[in-house]
Amino acid sequence: MKNTIHAINGPVIKVRNTEAFSMLEKVYVGPKRLMGEVISISKLETIIQVYESTSGLKPGDEVVGTGTFVSVVLGPGILGHIFDGIQRPLKAISDEEGIFISAGSQVASIDESVLWNVTITAKVGDHVEPGTIIGSVQETSAIKHQVMIPPLIKGDIVKVSPSGKYSLKDTIVEVSDVNGVIRPVMLKREWPIKVSRPTKERLPLDVPL
């Protein structure tokens, strides 16, 4: 059964179905697939914040859940770009569509076709945990991007790719976690915007980058 809009109030829309969605879930709204986020679920309705203009939406338009959180893409390629509030790259959109962002524009946050020269330092058998450096990418002439084991992955490396050129979605190493599940590690990862990135310590901002 389709979930449809029954009320619109500016950037906020309401859906009568309260069982099809989860709190903070990312959804697509209307025929242009505008991105939104579930901000409230009650016995009567689900309330969704839409992060684009709702002009043209009307009751009866479909709302599709994704089962995932609103997230950002992290990895080589972020530096040197300017993004809008939902991490759409303005230069790439301009190249495709002109100077105005069309509603529902779906341009990848980071170009996944770019091949990065990756130096792999990890070895099969290494025990790794979140933050362990497994390689590096010279992202700009001044900044070296350290490829690390992401949060929530801990275990032993069972497969390592050789140093070479890789895209963001290529697997660099595979880790057998504490439950014996093989976890691929790529150059990119998606991170929910409402979840704080874990840190070991915060350094004082007394030295320029």
N, C-alpha and C. Protein backbone atom coordinates (compact mmCIF):
# COMPACT_ATOMS: atom_id res chain seq x y z
N MET A 1 0.83 -1.20 0.00
CA MET A 1 0.00 0.00 0.00
C MET A 1 0.86 1.25 0.00
N LYS A 2 0.51 2.22 -0.84
CA LYS A 2 1.27 3.45 -0.90
C LYS A 2 1.00 4.32 0.32
N ASN A 3 2.07 4.99 0.78
CA ASN A 3 1.93 5.99 1.83
C ASN A 3 1.89 7.36 1.16
N THR A 4 0.86 8.13 1.47
CA THR A 4 0.67 9.39 0.76
C THR A 4 0.51 10.56 1.73
N ILE A 5 0.77 11.75 1.22
CA ILE A 5 0.62 12.98 2.00
C ILE A 5 -0.86 13.24 2.26
N HIS A 6 -1.18 13.61 3.52
CA HIS A 6 -2.55 14.04 3.78
C HIS A 6 -2.60 15.49 4.24
N ALA A 7 -1.44 16.09 4.58
CA ALA A 7 -1.42 17.50 4.95
C ALA A 7 -0.03 18.07 4.71
N ILE A 8 0.02 19.35 4.32
CA ILE A 8 1.27 20.05 4.07
C ILE A 8 1.23 21.39 4.78
N ASN A 9 2.31 21.70 5.52
CA ASN A 9 2.42 22.99 6.20
C ASN A 9 3.85 23.49 6.01
N GLY A 10 4.08 24.25 4.94
CA GLY A 10 5.44 24.71 4.63
C GLY A 10 6.34 23.53 4.33
N PRO A 11 7.49 23.40 5.04
CA PRO A 11 8.40 22.29 4.79
C PRO A 11 8.01 21.00 5.52
N VAL A 12 6.90 21.03 6.24
CA VAL A 12 6.47 19.88 7.04
C VAL A 12 5.27 19.21 6.37
N ILE A 13 5.35 17.89 6.24
CA ILE A 13 4.22 17.14 5.69
C ILE A 13 3.80 16.07 6.69
N LYS A 14 2.56 15.60 6.52
CA LYS A 14 2.02 14.59 7.42
C LYS A 14 1.48 13.40 6.63
N VAL A 15 1.74 12.22 7.17
CA VAL A 15 1.28 10.96 6.57
C VAL A 15 0.49 10.22 7.63
N ARG A 16 -0.65 9.64 7.27
CA ARG A 16 -1.50 8.97 8.26
C ARG A 16 -0.90 7.66 8.76
N ASN A 17 -0.15 6.96 7.92
CA ASN A 17 0.42 5.68 8.33
C ASN A 17 1.50 5.91 9.38
N THR A 18 1.38 5.25 10.52
CA THR A 18 2.37 5.42 11.59
C THR A 18 3.24 4.19 11.79
N GLU A 19 3.04 3.16 10.97
CA GLU A 19 3.80 1.92 11.14
C GLU A 19 4.83 1.70 10.04
N ALA A 20 4.77 2.48 8.97
CA ALA A 20 5.66 2.24 7.83
C ALA A 20 7.01 2.91 7.97
N PHE A 21 7.14 3.82 8.95
CA PHE A 21 8.36 4.61 9.06
C PHE A 21 8.97 4.49 10.45
N SER A 22 10.26 4.87 10.54
CA SER A 22 10.97 4.89 11.82
C SER A 22 11.47 6.31 12.09
N MET A 23 11.70 6.63 13.34
CA MET A 23 12.22 7.95 13.69
C MET A 23 13.57 8.19 13.01
N LEU A 24 13.73 9.38 12.48
CA LEU A 24 14.95 9.86 11.81
C LEU A 24 15.22 9.15 10.48
N GLU A 25 14.24 8.39 10.00
CA GLU A 25 14.42 7.70 8.71
C GLU A 25 14.43 8.71 7.56
N LYS A 26 15.28 8.46 6.57
CA LYS A 26 15.27 9.27 5.35
C LYS A 26 14.16 8.79 4.44
N VAL A 27 13.42 9.74 3.88
CA VAL A 27 12.32 9.40 2.98
C VAL A 27 12.42 10.25 1.72
N TYR A 28 11.73 9.80 0.68
CA TYR A 28 11.61 10.57 -0.55
C TYR A 28 10.14 10.94 -0.73
N VAL A 29 9.91 12.22 -1.03
CA VAL A 29 8.56 12.76 -1.03
C VAL A 29 8.17 13.25 -2.42
N GLY A 30 7.00 12.81 -2.89
CA GLY A 30 6.43 13.33 -4.12
C GLY A 30 7.09 12.82 -5.38
N PRO A 31 6.58 13.23 -6.54
CA PRO A 31 7.10 12.73 -7.82
C PRO A 31 8.54 13.14 -8.11
N LYS A 32 9.00 14.23 -7.48
CA LYS A 32 10.39 14.67 -7.68
C LYS A 32 11.34 14.07 -6.66
N ARG A 33 10.83 13.23 -5.78
CA ARG A 33 11.63 12.53 -4.77
C ARG A 33 12.46 13.52 -3.94
N LEU A 34 11.76 14.46 -3.33
CA LEU A 34 12.41 15.40 -2.43
C LEU A 34 12.86 14.67 -1.18
N MET A 35 14.04 15.02 -0.68
CA MET A 35 14.55 14.33 0.50
C MET A 35 13.94 14.90 1.77
N GLY A 36 13.51 14.00 2.66
CA GLY A 36 12.96 14.42 3.94
C GLY A 36 13.40 13.48 5.05
N GLU A 37 13.02 13.84 6.27
CA GLU A 37 13.39 13.06 7.45
C GLU A 37 12.21 12.97 8.41
N VAL A 38 11.97 11.78 8.93
CA VAL A 38 10.89 11.58 9.89
C VAL A 38 11.28 12.22 11.22
N ILE A 39 10.48 13.18 11.70
CA ILE A 39 10.80 13.88 12.94
C ILE A 39 9.83 13.58 14.07
N SER A 40 8.69 12.94 13.75
CA SER A 40 7.74 12.61 14.81
C SER A 40 6.80 11.51 14.34
N ILE A 41 6.51 10.58 15.25
CA ILE A 41 5.54 9.53 14.98
C ILE A 41 4.60 9.44 16.18
N SER A 42 3.32 9.61 15.94
CA SER A 42 2.32 9.50 17.01
C SER A 42 1.32 8.41 16.65
N LYS A 43 0.28 8.27 17.45
CA LYS A 43 -0.74 7.27 17.16
C LYS A 43 -1.54 7.62 15.92
N LEU A 44 -1.55 8.91 15.56
CA LEU A 44 -2.41 9.37 14.47
C LEU A 44 -1.67 9.60 13.15
N GLU A 45 -0.40 10.01 13.23
CA GLU A 45 0.28 10.42 12.00
C GLU A 45 1.79 10.40 12.14
N THR A 46 2.45 10.40 10.99
CA THR A 46 3.89 10.55 10.92
C THR A 46 4.19 11.93 10.35
N ILE A 47 5.08 12.67 11.01
CA ILE A 47 5.44 14.01 10.56
C ILE A 47 6.84 13.99 9.97
N ILE A 48 6.98 14.61 8.81
CA ILE A 48 8.23 14.57 8.05
C ILE A 48 8.69 15.98 7.72
N GLN A 49 9.96 16.26 7.99
CA GLN A 49 10.58 17.52 7.58
C GLN A 49 11.20 17.33 6.21
N VAL A 50 10.79 18.15 5.24
CA VAL A 50 11.34 18.08 3.89
C VAL A 50 12.46 19.11 3.77
N TYR A 51 13.62 18.70 3.23
CA TYR A 51 14.78 19.58 3.17
C TYR A 51 14.91 20.32 1.84
N GLU A 52 13.81 20.39 1.09
CA GLU A 52 13.77 21.19 -0.12
C GLU A 52 12.43 21.90 -0.17
N SER A 53 12.26 22.79 -1.13
CA SER A 53 10.99 23.49 -1.26
C SER A 53 9.86 22.51 -1.55
N THR A 54 8.76 22.67 -0.84
CA THR A 54 7.60 21.78 -1.05
C THR A 54 6.61 22.35 -2.06
N SER A 55 6.99 23.40 -2.75
CA SER A 55 6.11 23.98 -3.78
C SER A 55 5.74 22.91 -4.81
N GLY A 56 4.46 22.79 -5.09
CA GLY A 56 3.99 21.81 -6.08
C GLY A 56 3.54 20.51 -5.47
N LEU A 57 3.92 20.23 -4.21
CA LEU A 57 3.42 19.02 -3.55
C LEU A 57 1.95 19.17 -3.24
N LYS A 58 1.24 18.05 -3.19
CA LYS A 58 -0.19 18.09 -2.89
C LYS A 58 -0.60 16.82 -2.15
N PRO A 59 -1.69 16.87 -1.41
CA PRO A 59 -2.19 15.65 -0.75
C PRO A 59 -2.40 14.54 -1.78
N GLY A 60 -1.99 13.35 -1.39
CA GLY A 60 -2.09 12.21 -2.30
C GLY A 60 -0.78 11.84 -2.95
N ASP A 61 0.22 12.77 -2.91
CA ASP A 61 1.54 12.43 -3.45
C ASP A 61 2.20 11.37 -2.57
N GLU A 62 2.96 10.50 -3.19
CA GLU A 62 3.54 9.35 -2.48
C GLU A 62 4.74 9.74 -1.65
N VAL A 63 4.90 9.06 -0.51
CA VAL A 63 6.07 9.19 0.36
C VAL A 63 6.70 7.81 0.49
N VAL A 64 7.98 7.70 0.15
CA VAL A 64 8.66 6.40 0.13
C VAL A 64 9.77 6.38 1.19
N GLY A 65 9.71 5.41 2.08
CA GLY A 65 10.76 5.24 3.08
C GLY A 65 11.97 4.53 2.50
N THR A 66 13.13 4.77 3.09
CA THR A 66 14.36 4.13 2.63
C THR A 66 14.90 3.09 3.61
N GLY A 67 14.46 3.16 4.86
CA GLY A 67 14.99 2.25 5.87
C GLY A 67 16.36 2.65 6.38
N THR A 68 16.85 3.83 5.95
CA THR A 68 18.16 4.30 6.38
C THR A 68 18.03 5.70 6.98
N PHE A 69 19.10 6.13 7.65
CA PHE A 69 19.13 7.47 8.22
C PHE A 69 19.62 8.47 7.18
N VAL A 70 19.31 9.75 7.41
CA VAL A 70 19.93 10.81 6.62
C VAL A 70 21.42 10.82 6.95
N SER A 71 22.26 10.67 5.94
CA SER A 71 23.70 10.48 6.17
C SER A 71 24.52 11.35 5.24
N VAL A 72 25.78 11.50 5.59
CA VAL A 72 26.74 12.15 4.71
C VAL A 72 27.74 11.10 4.22
N VAL A 73 28.30 11.33 3.04
CA VAL A 73 29.32 10.46 2.49
C VAL A 73 30.68 11.03 2.85
N LEU A 74 31.53 10.21 3.47
CA LEU A 74 32.86 10.64 3.88
C LEU A 74 33.91 9.88 3.08
N GLY A 75 34.97 10.57 2.66
CA GLY A 75 36.04 9.92 1.92
C GLY A 75 36.80 10.92 1.08
N PRO A 76 37.83 10.48 0.37
CA PRO A 76 38.58 11.37 -0.51
C PRO A 76 37.66 11.99 -1.56
N GLY A 77 37.88 13.27 -1.84
CA GLY A 77 37.07 13.95 -2.83
C GLY A 77 36.21 15.05 -2.25
N ILE A 78 36.10 15.12 -0.93
CA ILE A 78 35.31 16.18 -0.30
C ILE A 78 36.02 17.53 -0.42
N LEU A 79 37.33 17.51 -0.20
CA LEU A 79 38.08 18.76 -0.19
C LEU A 79 38.03 19.45 -1.55
N GLY A 80 37.90 20.77 -1.52
CA GLY A 80 37.88 21.53 -2.76
C GLY A 80 36.52 21.71 -3.37
N HIS A 81 35.47 21.17 -2.71
CA HIS A 81 34.11 21.29 -3.24
C HIS A 81 33.23 22.09 -2.28
N ILE A 82 32.16 22.65 -2.81
CA ILE A 82 31.16 23.35 -2.00
C ILE A 82 29.84 22.60 -2.14
N PHE A 83 29.20 22.33 -1.00
CA PHE A 83 27.97 21.54 -0.98
C PHE A 83 26.82 22.38 -0.44
N ASP A 84 25.60 21.96 -0.80
CA ASP A 84 24.44 22.57 -0.15
C ASP A 84 24.17 21.84 1.16
N GLY A 85 23.04 22.14 1.79
CA GLY A 85 22.77 21.60 3.13
C GLY A 85 22.54 20.11 3.19
N ILE A 86 22.28 19.46 2.06
CA ILE A 86 22.10 18.01 2.06
C ILE A 86 23.21 17.34 1.24
N GLN A 87 24.38 17.96 1.23
CA GLN A 87 25.61 17.45 0.63
C GLN A 87 25.49 17.18 -0.87
N ARG A 88 24.83 18.09 -1.57
CA ARG A 88 24.85 18.02 -3.02
C ARG A 88 25.92 18.97 -3.53
N PRO A 89 26.82 18.51 -4.40
CA PRO A 89 27.94 19.34 -4.86
C PRO A 89 27.47 20.40 -5.86
N LEU A 90 27.63 21.66 -5.51
CA LEU A 90 27.08 22.74 -6.31
C LEU A 90 27.73 22.83 -7.68
N LYS A 91 29.04 22.60 -7.77
CA LYS A 91 29.71 22.69 -9.07
C LYS A 91 29.21 21.59 -10.01
N ALA A 92 29.07 20.38 -9.50
CA ALA A 92 28.59 19.27 -10.34
C ALA A 92 27.16 19.52 -10.81
N ILE A 93 26.33 20.06 -9.93
CA ILE A 93 24.95 20.37 -10.31
C ILE A 93 24.94 21.46 -11.37
N SER A 94 25.78 22.48 -11.18
CA SER A 94 25.86 23.56 -12.16
C SER A 94 26.28 23.05 -13.52
N ASP A 95 27.23 22.12 -13.54
CA ASP A 95 27.68 21.56 -14.82
C ASP A 95 26.57 20.80 -15.53
N GLU A 96 25.69 20.15 -14.74
CA GLU A 96 24.63 19.33 -15.32
C GLU A 96 23.36 20.12 -15.62
N GLU A 97 23.03 21.06 -14.71
CA GLU A 97 21.70 21.67 -14.78
C GLU A 97 21.70 23.18 -14.94
N GLY A 98 22.87 23.82 -14.81
CA GLY A 98 22.89 25.27 -14.80
C GLY A 98 23.02 25.82 -13.39
N ILE A 99 22.81 27.13 -13.24
CA ILE A 99 23.11 27.78 -11.96
C ILE A 99 22.04 27.55 -10.89
N PHE A 100 20.88 27.04 -11.26
CA PHE A 100 19.81 26.81 -10.28
C PHE A 100 19.67 25.31 -10.00
N ILE A 101 19.50 24.97 -8.71
CA ILE A 101 19.31 23.58 -8.31
C ILE A 101 17.85 23.22 -8.50
N SER A 102 17.58 22.23 -9.32
CA SER A 102 16.19 21.80 -9.50
C SER A 102 15.76 20.95 -8.32
N ALA A 103 14.47 21.00 -7.99
CA ALA A 103 13.93 20.22 -6.88
C ALA A 103 14.16 18.74 -7.13
N GLY A 104 14.66 18.05 -6.10
CA GLY A 104 14.89 16.61 -6.21
C GLY A 104 16.15 16.24 -6.96
N SER A 105 17.03 17.20 -7.21
CA SER A 105 18.27 16.91 -7.94
C SER A 105 19.05 15.80 -7.24
N GLN A 106 19.50 14.80 -8.02
CA GLN A 106 20.15 13.62 -7.45
C GLN A 106 21.57 13.47 -7.99
N VAL A 107 22.45 14.40 -7.65
CA VAL A 107 23.85 14.34 -8.06
C VAL A 107 24.66 13.75 -6.91
N ALA A 108 25.54 12.78 -7.22
CA ALA A 108 26.33 12.12 -6.18
C ALA A 108 27.16 13.13 -5.40
N SER A 109 27.23 12.96 -4.08
CA SER A 109 27.97 13.89 -3.23
C SER A 109 29.45 13.94 -3.60
N ILE A 110 30.04 12.77 -3.85
CA ILE A 110 31.43 12.66 -4.24
C ILE A 110 31.50 11.79 -5.48
N ASP A 111 32.29 12.19 -6.46
CA ASP A 111 32.39 11.45 -7.72
C ASP A 111 33.05 10.09 -7.47
N GLU A 112 32.26 9.02 -7.63
CA GLU A 112 32.77 7.68 -7.35
C GLU A 112 33.52 7.08 -8.54
N SER A 113 33.58 7.80 -9.64
CA SER A 113 34.33 7.28 -10.80
C SER A 113 35.81 7.64 -10.75
N VAL A 114 36.16 8.59 -9.88
CA VAL A 114 37.56 9.01 -9.78
C VAL A 114 38.40 7.90 -9.17
N LEU A 115 39.56 7.64 -9.75
CA LEU A 115 40.49 6.65 -9.20
C LEU A 115 41.55 7.36 -8.39
N TRP A 116 41.71 6.92 -7.15
CA TRP A 116 42.68 7.51 -6.24
C TRP A 116 43.88 6.58 -6.10
N ASN A 117 45.06 7.16 -6.03
CA ASN A 117 46.28 6.37 -5.85
C ASN A 117 46.43 6.06 -4.36
N VAL A 118 46.16 4.81 -4.00
CA VAL A 118 46.11 4.41 -2.59
C VAL A 118 47.34 3.59 -2.23
N THR A 119 48.02 4.02 -1.17
CA THR A 119 49.13 3.25 -0.62
C THR A 119 48.62 2.41 0.54
N ILE A 120 48.65 1.09 0.41
CA ILE A 120 48.13 0.19 1.44
C ILE A 120 49.27 -0.22 2.37
N THR A 121 49.07 -0.02 3.66
CA THR A 121 50.10 -0.39 4.65
C THR A 121 49.67 -1.58 5.50
N ALA A 122 48.41 -1.96 5.46
CA ALA A 122 47.92 -3.08 6.26
C ALA A 122 48.39 -4.41 5.70
N LYS A 123 48.42 -5.43 6.54
CA LYS A 123 48.82 -6.78 6.13
C LYS A 123 47.80 -7.79 6.66
N VAL A 124 47.68 -8.90 5.95
CA VAL A 124 46.81 -9.99 6.41
C VAL A 124 47.28 -10.45 7.79
N GLY A 125 46.35 -10.61 8.71
CA GLY A 125 46.67 -11.02 10.07
C GLY A 125 46.74 -9.88 11.05
N ASP A 126 46.83 -8.65 10.56
CA ASP A 126 46.86 -7.50 11.46
C ASP A 126 45.56 -7.41 12.24
N HIS A 127 45.69 -7.15 13.54
CA HIS A 127 44.50 -6.90 14.36
C HIS A 127 44.20 -5.40 14.29
N VAL A 128 42.97 -5.06 13.94
CA VAL A 128 42.60 -3.66 13.76
C VAL A 128 41.38 -3.31 14.59
N GLU A 129 41.23 -2.03 14.84
CA GLU A 129 40.08 -1.51 15.56
C GLU A 129 39.77 -0.13 15.00
N PRO A 130 38.66 0.48 15.40
CA PRO A 130 38.33 1.79 14.85
C PRO A 130 39.48 2.78 14.98
N GLY A 131 39.82 3.43 13.88
CA GLY A 131 40.91 4.41 13.87
C GLY A 131 42.25 3.87 13.44
N THR A 132 42.38 2.53 13.31
CA THR A 132 43.64 1.97 12.84
C THR A 132 43.90 2.40 11.40
N ILE A 133 45.07 2.95 11.13
CA ILE A 133 45.42 3.40 9.78
C ILE A 133 45.84 2.20 8.94
N ILE A 134 45.18 2.04 7.77
CA ILE A 134 45.49 0.91 6.91
C ILE A 134 46.06 1.35 5.56
N GLY A 135 46.16 2.65 5.35
CA GLY A 135 46.70 3.16 4.09
C GLY A 135 46.56 4.66 4.02
N SER A 136 46.89 5.23 2.88
CA SER A 136 46.80 6.68 2.73
C SER A 136 46.56 7.05 1.28
N VAL A 137 45.99 8.25 1.09
CA VAL A 137 45.75 8.82 -0.23
C VAL A 137 46.23 10.27 -0.19
N GLN A 138 47.06 10.67 -1.14
CA GLN A 138 47.47 12.07 -1.24
C GLN A 138 46.34 12.83 -1.91
N GLU A 139 45.40 13.33 -1.07
CA GLU A 139 44.17 13.92 -1.60
C GLU A 139 44.43 15.25 -2.31
N THR A 140 45.28 16.09 -1.72
CA THR A 140 45.71 17.33 -2.36
C THR A 140 47.22 17.42 -2.23
N SER A 141 47.79 18.45 -2.82
CA SER A 141 49.25 18.60 -2.71
C SER A 141 49.69 18.82 -1.28
N ALA A 142 48.78 19.30 -0.43
CA ALA A 142 49.15 19.62 0.95
C ALA A 142 48.60 18.64 1.98
N ILE A 143 47.56 17.90 1.63
CA ILE A 143 46.87 17.07 2.62
C ILE A 143 46.87 15.61 2.21
N LYS A 144 47.36 14.77 3.12
CA LYS A 144 47.32 13.32 2.93
C LYS A 144 46.14 12.76 3.72
N HIS A 145 45.27 12.05 3.02
CA HIS A 145 44.09 11.44 3.63
C HIS A 145 44.48 10.07 4.17
N GLN A 146 44.35 9.89 5.48
CA GLN A 146 44.66 8.60 6.10
C GLN A 146 43.42 7.70 6.02
N VAL A 147 43.59 6.53 5.43
CA VAL A 147 42.50 5.56 5.34
C VAL A 147 42.48 4.76 6.64
N MET A 148 41.36 4.82 7.35
CA MET A 148 41.27 4.19 8.66
C MET A 148 40.15 3.15 8.72
N ILE A 149 40.27 2.26 9.68
CA ILE A 149 39.17 1.34 9.99
C ILE A 149 38.04 2.18 10.58
N PRO A 150 36.82 2.05 10.05
CA PRO A 150 35.71 2.89 10.53
C PRO A 150 35.22 2.46 11.90
N PRO A 151 34.46 3.33 12.56
CA PRO A 151 33.85 2.96 13.84
C PRO A 151 33.02 1.69 13.71
N LEU A 152 32.97 0.94 14.79
CA LEU A 152 32.14 -0.26 14.94
C LEU A 152 32.75 -1.50 14.29
N ILE A 153 33.94 -1.39 13.68
CA ILE A 153 34.59 -2.57 13.11
C ILE A 153 35.86 -2.86 13.90
N LYS A 154 35.98 -4.10 14.36
CA LYS A 154 37.14 -4.53 15.13
C LYS A 154 37.38 -6.01 14.86
N GLY A 155 38.62 -6.38 14.58
CA GLY A 155 38.91 -7.78 14.30
C GLY A 155 40.24 -7.95 13.60
N ASP A 156 40.36 -9.01 12.78
CA ASP A 156 41.62 -9.32 12.10
C ASP A 156 41.43 -9.20 10.59
N ILE A 157 42.44 -8.65 9.94
CA ILE A 157 42.39 -8.50 8.48
C ILE A 157 42.61 -9.86 7.83
N VAL A 158 41.72 -10.22 6.91
CA VAL A 158 41.81 -11.52 6.23
C VAL A 158 42.12 -11.36 4.74
N LYS A 159 41.99 -10.14 4.21
CA LYS A 159 42.30 -9.92 2.79
C LYS A 159 42.74 -8.47 2.60
N VAL A 160 43.80 -8.28 1.82
CA VAL A 160 44.33 -6.95 1.58
C VAL A 160 44.53 -6.75 0.08
N SER A 161 44.05 -5.65 -0.45
CA SER A 161 44.30 -5.31 -1.85
C SER A 161 45.68 -4.68 -1.97
N PRO A 162 46.37 -4.86 -3.09
CA PRO A 162 47.68 -4.24 -3.26
C PRO A 162 47.55 -2.74 -3.46
N SER A 163 48.62 -2.01 -3.18
CA SER A 163 48.61 -0.57 -3.45
C SER A 163 48.33 -0.33 -4.92
N GLY A 164 47.59 0.72 -5.21
CA GLY A 164 47.23 1.01 -6.60
C GLY A 164 46.10 2.00 -6.67
N LYS A 165 45.43 2.06 -7.80
CA LYS A 165 44.36 3.02 -8.02
C LYS A 165 43.00 2.38 -7.73
N TYR A 166 42.21 3.06 -6.91
CA TYR A 166 40.90 2.55 -6.50
C TYR A 166 39.87 3.67 -6.48
N SER A 167 38.61 3.31 -6.73
CA SER A 167 37.51 4.26 -6.58
C SER A 167 36.99 4.19 -5.16
N LEU A 168 36.08 5.10 -4.83
CA LEU A 168 35.55 5.16 -3.46
C LEU A 168 34.83 3.88 -3.05
N LYS A 169 34.23 3.18 -4.02
CA LYS A 169 33.42 2.01 -3.67
C LYS A 169 34.18 0.70 -3.76
N ASP A 170 35.48 0.76 -4.08
CA ASP A 170 36.29 -0.47 -4.13
C ASP A 170 36.69 -0.89 -2.72
N THR A 171 36.72 -2.20 -2.48
CA THR A 171 37.13 -2.72 -1.18
C THR A 171 38.65 -2.71 -1.07
N ILE A 172 39.15 -2.11 0.01
CA ILE A 172 40.59 -2.01 0.24
C ILE A 172 41.08 -3.19 1.08
N VAL A 173 40.39 -3.47 2.16
CA VAL A 173 40.71 -4.63 2.99
C VAL A 173 39.40 -5.27 3.44
N GLU A 174 39.50 -6.52 3.89
CA GLU A 174 38.37 -7.21 4.50
C GLU A 174 38.77 -7.62 5.92
N VAL A 175 37.85 -7.39 6.86
CA VAL A 175 38.12 -7.66 8.26
C VAL A 175 37.14 -8.70 8.77
N SER A 176 37.66 -9.72 9.45
CA SER A 176 36.81 -10.69 10.15
C SER A 176 36.58 -10.15 11.55
N ASP A 177 35.33 -9.73 11.84
CA ASP A 177 35.08 -9.08 13.13
C ASP A 177 34.98 -10.11 14.25
N VAL A 178 34.66 -9.64 15.45
CA VAL A 178 34.66 -10.51 16.63
C VAL A 178 33.61 -11.61 16.53
N ASN A 179 32.64 -11.45 15.64
CA ASN A 179 31.61 -12.47 15.44
C ASN A 179 31.89 -13.35 14.23
N GLY A 180 33.06 -13.15 13.60
CA GLY A 180 33.42 -13.95 12.44
C GLY A 180 32.79 -13.46 11.15
N VAL A 181 32.14 -12.31 11.18
CA VAL A 181 31.52 -11.73 9.98
C VAL A 181 32.57 -10.96 9.18
N ILE A 182 32.63 -11.19 7.87
CA ILE A 182 33.59 -10.49 7.03
C ILE A 182 33.05 -9.10 6.71
N ARG A 183 33.81 -8.08 7.07
CA ARG A 183 33.38 -6.69 6.88
C ARG A 183 34.30 -6.00 5.87
N PRO A 184 33.79 -5.58 4.70
CA PRO A 184 34.62 -4.87 3.74
C PRO A 184 34.88 -3.43 4.19
N VAL A 185 36.07 -2.94 3.92
CA VAL A 185 36.42 -1.54 4.21
C VAL A 185 36.77 -0.86 2.90
N MET A 186 36.07 0.21 2.59
CA MET A 186 36.28 0.95 1.35
C MET A 186 36.86 2.33 1.66
N LEU A 187 37.14 3.09 0.60
CA LEU A 187 37.63 4.46 0.80
C LEU A 187 36.52 5.37 1.31
N LYS A 188 35.28 5.03 1.04
CA LYS A 188 34.17 5.88 1.48
C LYS A 188 33.34 5.16 2.53
N ARG A 189 32.58 5.95 3.27
CA ARG A 189 31.56 5.38 4.16
C ARG A 189 30.48 6.42 4.36
N GLU A 190 29.28 5.94 4.65
CA GLU A 190 28.16 6.83 4.94
C GLU A 190 27.96 6.88 6.45
N TRP A 191 27.77 8.11 6.95
CA TRP A 191 27.64 8.28 8.40
C TRP A 191 26.38 9.08 8.72
N PRO A 192 25.51 8.57 9.60
CA PRO A 192 24.28 9.29 9.95
C PRO A 192 24.59 10.66 10.56
N ILE A 193 23.89 11.70 10.09
CA ILE A 193 24.22 13.05 10.53
C ILE A 193 23.85 13.30 11.99
N LYS A 194 22.95 12.50 12.54
CA LYS A 194 22.52 12.71 13.93
C LYS A 194 23.35 11.88 14.92
N VAL A 195 24.36 11.17 14.43
CA VAL A 195 25.21 10.35 15.30
C VAL A 195 26.60 10.97 15.35
N SER A 196 27.08 11.28 16.55
CA SER A 196 28.40 11.89 16.71
C SER A 196 29.50 10.93 16.30
N ARG A 197 30.51 11.44 15.61
CA ARG A 197 31.66 10.60 15.28
C ARG A 197 32.47 10.37 16.56
N PRO A 198 32.83 9.12 16.85
CA PRO A 198 33.61 8.86 18.08
C PRO A 198 35.03 9.41 17.96
N THR A 199 35.56 9.92 19.05
CA THR A 199 36.93 10.45 19.09
C THR A 199 37.64 9.97 20.35
N LYS A 200 38.95 9.82 20.26
CA LYS A 200 39.74 9.47 21.44
C LYS A 200 40.04 10.69 22.29
N GLU A 201 40.29 11.81 21.63
CA GLU A 201 40.54 13.06 22.34
C GLU A 201 40.34 14.23 21.37
N ARG A 202 40.11 15.40 21.93
CA ARG A 202 39.98 16.61 21.13
C ARG A 202 41.20 17.50 21.37
N LEU A 203 41.89 17.82 20.29
CA LEU A 203 43.09 18.64 20.40
C LEU A 203 42.72 20.11 20.40
N PRO A 204 43.45 20.94 21.16
CA PRO A 204 43.14 22.38 21.18
C PRO A 204 43.44 23.00 19.82
N LEU A 205 42.59 23.96 19.42
CA LEU A 205 42.74 24.61 18.12
C LEU A 205 43.72 25.78 18.23
N ASP A 206 44.98 25.46 18.49
CA ASP A 206 45.99 26.51 18.64
C ASP A 206 47.05 26.46 17.54
N VAL A 207 46.89 25.48 16.61
CA VAL A 207 47.85 25.36 15.52
C VAL A 207 47.05 25.34 14.20
N PRO A 208 47.35 26.23 13.26
CA PRO A 208 46.62 26.24 11.98
C PRO A 208 46.78 24.91 11.25
N LEU A 209 45.78 24.54 10.43
CA LEU A 209 45.87 23.32 9.64
C LEU A 209 47.05 23.37 8.70
